[in-house]
Amino acid sequence: MICHKIFSETLLIKSKRGKYRIEQVGVFGKSGLAYMAIEPEYVEQEMKLYFKDIEELISSSLNDKEVFYFASLIHLRFAHIHPFRDGNGRAARLIEKWFITEKLGRDFWKISSEEYYKLNQVRYYETINLGVNYYELNYDRCLGFLEMLPNCLK
């Protein structure tokens, strides 16, 4: 929440920074609504489950491939919960990188994943789109997204 408060200074009014949203939000593309996030009354509950899962992963022994797999999945799930009014993508990418550094060491802050996502923005948005709303997400289709993070190392 503190991180969101800091990096959303130019995005949101002060009362919305570092706080879960209290309104329904969607993601819009060129052709209109692309994704409808979970209702605001369920955000806190979903985030508790989300962070519980992360705690379990942090305490688990994972090989490098598993770390990158779960880091990408953490990013994807956060983006789909969409807990903030704005800044969800930034927060998802920050949590992804934080998880990697927790598991593999501080040097991994240097990987250029943000640059890779920016250079491959069309693919990023195509592969993050797994359904029209939170309840119809199809994680069977997430492989394209999960492959992006390891590709930034090439």
Foldseek 3Di string as FASTA:
>chain_A
DVVQQVVCPVPDDNVQGPAFDQQWDFDADPVGTQETADHQVCLVVLVVVLVVVLVVVLPDQDDLLVLLLVLLVSLLSQVRNVGGPDDSNVVSNVSSQVSNCSRPHDVSVPQPLVVLCVVVVVLLVVLSRQDHYSVRGDCVSNPSSSVSRVVSVD
